[in-house]
Amino acid sequence: MDENNAGGMSIETTERLQAAAERLEKTVAWLEERQAAMTGDVARIVATVDATADARQRELERKLEEAEQQIVELKAQAAATSGARKTLPVATMQLLAKQGIGSVDGIEAGSLDTALAD
């Protein structure tokens, strides 16, 4: 009877091991499918991030170009106006005062120099 009992246990153990192996195979197949799905998800996320980063970089490059152009324009304006004198000599102020012109706020120094040179 011990031999029958041992043989029955051996068959039962073999069946249990076979069922466990089948469950492991199913689990491995499920994990492989899940990994493939996750790889696809990651690829889509990476593509989305890359597209967003590219658009942001193009926008920043455009803004940089605009800012550089504005700097060039402002430097050109500053260079054009920096050569002009903004104040009047004391003698000119006295001459204007004798002629009854007390306020020179509306008179540009460059225009006055041109008028006096003629």
Protein backbone atom coordinates (compact mmCIF):
# COMPACT_ATOMS: atom_id res chain seq x y z
CA MET A 1 0.00 0.00 0.00
CA ASP A 2 2.86 2.31 0.55
CA GLU A 3 3.86 1.92 -3.07
CA ASN A 4 0.33 2.80 -4.26
CA ASN A 5 0.22 5.72 -1.92
CA ALA A 6 3.68 6.90 -3.07
CA GLY A 7 2.69 6.47 -6.72
CA GLY A 8 -0.53 8.42 -6.15
CA MET A 9 1.42 11.22 -4.51
CA SER A 10 3.86 11.25 -7.37
CA ILE A 11 1.07 11.59 -9.93
CA GLU A 12 -0.65 14.27 -7.84
CA THR A 13 2.61 16.17 -7.43
CA THR A 14 3.31 15.91 -11.16
CA GLU A 15 -0.16 17.28 -11.98
CA ARG A 16 0.28 20.15 -9.54
CA LEU A 17 3.69 20.96 -11.01
CA GLN A 18 2.25 20.81 -14.53
CA ALA A 19 -0.60 23.18 -13.55
CA ALA A 20 1.90 25.56 -11.93
CA ALA A 21 4.06 25.49 -15.07
CA GLU A 22 1.01 26.31 -17.22
CA ARG A 23 0.13 29.23 -14.95
CA LEU A 24 3.74 30.48 -15.16
CA GLU A 25 3.66 30.25 -18.96
CA LYS A 26 0.40 32.24 -19.04
CA THR A 27 1.89 34.81 -16.67
CA VAL A 28 5.02 35.16 -18.80
CA ALA A 29 2.87 35.59 -21.95
CA TRP A 30 0.76 38.24 -20.18
CA LEU A 31 3.90 40.07 -18.99
CA GLU A 32 5.34 40.04 -22.51
CA GLU A 33 2.11 41.50 -23.91
CA ARG A 34 2.04 44.13 -21.20
CA GLN A 35 5.67 45.06 -21.84
CA ALA A 36 4.96 45.42 -25.56
CA ALA A 37 1.97 47.65 -24.79
CA MET A 38 4.00 49.75 -22.38
CA THR A 39 6.80 50.12 -24.91
CA GLY A 40 4.25 51.50 -27.37
CA ASP A 41 2.90 53.88 -24.72
CA VAL A 42 6.39 55.10 -23.89
CA ALA A 43 7.16 55.63 -27.58
CA ARG A 44 4.00 57.74 -27.97
CA ILE A 45 4.85 59.78 -24.87
CA VAL A 46 8.39 60.38 -26.11
CA ALA A 47 7.09 61.44 -29.52
CA THR A 48 4.64 63.85 -27.90
CA VAL A 49 7.33 65.36 -25.68
CA ASP A 50 9.69 65.70 -28.65
CA ALA A 51 7.01 67.44 -30.74
CA THR A 52 6.18 69.82 -27.89
CA ALA A 53 9.85 70.57 -27.26
CA ASP A 54 10.46 71.23 -30.96
CA ALA A 55 7.51 73.64 -31.14
CA ARG A 56 8.68 75.44 -27.99
CA GLN A 57 12.22 75.69 -29.31
CA ARG A 58 11.01 77.15 -32.63
CA GLU A 59 8.89 79.68 -30.72
CA LEU A 60 11.85 80.69 -28.54
CA GLU A 61 14.11 81.03 -31.57
CA ARG A 62 11.51 83.26 -33.25
CA LYS A 63 11.25 85.45 -30.15
CA LEU A 64 15.04 85.67 -29.94
CA GLU A 65 15.24 86.82 -33.56
CA GLU A 66 12.56 89.47 -32.90
CA ALA A 67 14.40 90.69 -29.81
CA GLU A 68 17.71 90.85 -31.66
CA GLN A 69 16.06 92.83 -34.49
CA GLN A 70 14.55 95.24 -31.98
CA ILE A 71 17.96 95.70 -30.32
CA VAL A 72 19.52 96.51 -33.69
CA GLU A 73 16.76 99.07 -34.40
CA LEU A 74 17.12 100.68 -30.98
CA LYS A 75 20.90 100.90 -31.34
CA ALA A 76 20.45 102.54 -34.73
CA GLN A 77 18.01 105.08 -33.26
CA ALA A 78 20.36 105.79 -30.37
CA ALA A 79 23.29 106.28 -32.72
CA ALA A 80 21.26 108.68 -34.87
CA THR A 81 20.21 110.85 -31.94
CA SER A 82 23.37 110.64 -29.84
CA GLY A 83 25.34 112.88 -32.21
CA ALA A 84 22.82 115.70 -31.90
CA ARG A 85 23.33 118.26 -29.20
CA LYS A 86 20.48 118.49 -26.71
CA THR A 87 21.37 121.75 -24.93
CA LEU A 88 21.85 125.29 -26.17
CA PRO A 89 24.96 127.33 -25.51
CA VAL A 90 24.60 130.13 -22.94
CA ALA A 91 25.22 132.83 -25.56
CA THR A 92 22.39 131.48 -27.72
CA MET A 93 20.05 131.38 -24.72
CA GLN A 94 20.90 135.03 -23.97
CA LEU A 95 20.32 136.04 -27.60
CA LEU A 96 16.94 134.32 -27.62
CA ALA A 97 16.02 135.94 -24.31
CA LYS A 98 16.82 139.41 -25.77
CA GLN A 99 14.45 138.60 -28.63
CA GLY A 100 11.67 137.74 -26.16
CA ILE A 101 11.85 133.94 -26.39
CA GLY A 102 11.95 132.79 -22.79
CA SER A 103 11.05 129.15 -23.19
CA VAL A 104 13.17 126.94 -25.39
CA ASP A 105 11.42 123.67 -24.53
CA GLY A 106 9.92 123.35 -28.02
CA ILE A 107 13.16 124.24 -29.84
CA GLU A 108 15.51 121.45 -30.88
CA ALA A 109 19.18 122.30 -30.57
CA GLY A 110 20.02 120.77 -33.94
CA SER A 111 17.33 122.79 -35.74
CA LEU A 112 18.49 126.01 -34.09
CA ASP A 113 22.11 125.33 -35.05
CA THR A 114 21.03 124.84 -38.66
CA ALA A 115 18.99 128.07 -38.64
CA LEU A 116 21.83 130.07 -37.10
CA ALA A 117 24.36 128.66 -39.56
CA ASP A 118 22.43 130.06 -42.54
